[in-house]
Amino acid sequence: MIITVDNLIKTYAGRVPTPALRGVSFDVAAGEFVAVMGRSGSGKSTLLHQLGLLDQPTSGKIYIDGADVLALAETDKAGFRLRSLGYVFQEYALITELTALENVWLPARALGAGRAGRDRAAELLDLVGLKGRHGHYPRELSGGEQQRVAVARALINRPKIVFADEPTANLDSASARVVLDLFRGLNRDLGQTIVMVTHEPDDRQYVSRVVWLRDGLIDRIESV
């Protein structure tokens, strides 16, 4: 198993503490494409943020590729995220002052990759169907094209896992299909492990399993 989640609890502090995850446990095998689904407020994005080390749970364990990642020091977590995890967000999270190529290359440059990193960024943009768009800025790209840049950026450091948080929520149906077909191809052809939060029931056709959440608990796990 590339991901093991053991009794994960997340409670947001405040005058009235708000439980978001109430004790979630499940596994993800290497090479799986897993969707996390459920009603709004069920804990989907909260769970993804814990798995992606973007937030700290209240209690519980997360193992990624055998490593107890919650026990890592903050600087080590940052390095682990950069080297082992890729992220695709609903809002693309591209840097507007950088070209598509520069946005994809940026995480590789953070690891010291020079010309080789730039060449890989170009190859990835071609892979996601953006050949000829390398020099365009985000404002010069459609929403679907921007999200494909984000997918290429997520892949630049050859991550063990790609986490996607509602990656098609801001896209029209045609662009959404392009992005989902891209994910399915990466999973099928390259064996890329993907964990995706989505609210669209039709997205089930793209994945191998669905983890259904309800009120911060696993309601059921469905093989597709």
Foldseek 3Di string as FASTA:
>chain_A
DQKWWFQFWAWPDDPDIRTQAGTETDDDDQLFAEEEEEDPSLNRVVVLCCQLVVDPTPDTFMHGNRDRLNPDDPVVNVVCNLQAEFEQEQVLPFDQVAFLLCRLLVSVVVVVDDPVLSVLSQVQCVLLPNVVRRGHGPVVDDLLSSRSSSVSSRPSNPHSEYEYEQNCPPDDPVSSVSVLVSVLCCSVVVSHHYYYYHHDPVSLVSGQKYQYGGNNYGPDIGGD
